Amino acid sequence: VVKSNAVAVRVESQLKLVIRPMYSNPPIHGASIVATVLGN
């Protein structure tokens, strides 16, 4: 919660910069597991 709308807009833009890569790039866990299983 912030007191001014201007601060809220700035915080939102920073959060979008942090959050977007988390959803845009799939996790590598699955590929790593498959590579290990198929490699043995």
C-alpha atoms as a PDB file:
ATOM      1  CA  VAL A   1       0.000   0.000   0.000  1.00  0.00           C
ATOM      2  CA  VAL A   2       1.386   3.352  -1.002  1.00  0.00           C
ATOM      3  CA  LYS A   3       0.150   6.866  -0.457  1.00  0.00           C
ATOM      4  CA  SER A   4       0.347   8.152  -4.018  1.00  0.00           C
ATOM      5  CA  ASN A   5      -0.727   6.781  -7.360  1.00  0.00           C
ATOM      6  CA  ALA A   6       2.608   7.797  -8.905  1.00  0.00           C
ATOM      7  CA  VAL A   7       4.521   5.557  -6.515  1.00  0.00           C
ATOM      8  CA  ALA A   8       2.095   2.695  -7.178  1.00  0.00           C
ATOM      9  CA  VAL A   9       2.709   3.002 -10.916  1.00  0.00           C
ATOM     10  CA  ARG A  10       6.484   2.928 -10.426  1.00  0.00           C
ATOM     11  CA  VAL A  11       6.314  -0.078  -8.108  1.00  0.00           C
ATOM     12  CA  GLU A  12       4.062  -1.921 -10.552  1.00  0.00           C
ATOM     13  CA  SER A  13       6.475  -1.336 -13.429  1.00  0.00           C
ATOM     14  CA  GLN A  14       9.384  -2.678 -11.374  1.00  0.00           C
ATOM     15  CA  LEU A  15       7.395  -5.747 -10.338  1.00  0.00           C
ATOM     16  CA  LYS A  16       6.550  -6.454 -13.970  1.00  0.00           C
ATOM     17  CA  LEU A  17      10.258  -6.379 -14.833  1.00  0.00           C
ATOM     18  CA  VAL A  18      10.985  -8.932 -12.107  1.00  0.00           C
ATOM     19  CA  ILE A  19       7.979 -11.197 -12.651  1.00  0.00           C
ATOM     20  CA  ARG A  20       7.891 -11.404 -16.454  1.00  0.00           C
ATOM     21  CA  PRO A  21      11.061 -13.502 -16.882  1.00  0.00           C
ATOM     22  CA  MET A  22       9.712 -15.981 -14.338  1.00  0.00           C
ATOM     23  CA  TYR A  23       6.665 -16.686 -16.489  1.00  0.00           C
ATOM     24  CA  SER A  24       8.239 -16.214 -19.924  1.00  0.00           C
ATOM     25  CA  ASN A  25      10.978 -18.821 -19.504  1.00  0.00           C
ATOM     26  CA  PRO A  26      10.049 -22.395 -18.649  1.00  0.00           C
ATOM     27  CA  PRO A  27      11.946 -24.054 -15.804  1.00  0.00           C
ATOM     28  CA  ILE A  28      14.874 -26.256 -16.759  1.00  0.00           C
ATOM     29  CA  HIS A  29      14.141 -28.957 -14.153  1.00  0.00           C
ATOM     30  CA  GLY A  30      12.202 -31.214 -16.525  1.00  0.00           C
ATOM     31  CA  ALA A  31      14.807 -31.050 -19.276  1.00  0.00           C
ATOM     32  CA  SER A  32      17.558 -31.785 -16.772  1.00  0.00           C
ATOM     33  CA  ILE A  33      15.743 -34.853 -15.430  1.00  0.00           C
ATOM     34  CA  VAL A  34      15.087 -36.202 -18.935  1.00  0.00           C
ATOM     35  CA  ALA A  35      18.725 -35.672 -19.918  1.00  0.00           C
ATOM     36  CA  THR A  36      19.877 -37.575 -16.828  1.00  0.00           C
ATOM     37  CA  VAL A  37      17.477 -40.475 -17.397  1.00  0.00           C
ATOM     38  CA  LEU A  38      18.245 -40.789 -21.099  1.00  0.00           C
ATOM     39  CA  GLY A  39      21.963 -40.357 -20.515  1.00  0.00           C
ATOM     40  CA  ASN A  40      22.199 -43.389 -18.212  1.00  0.00           C
END
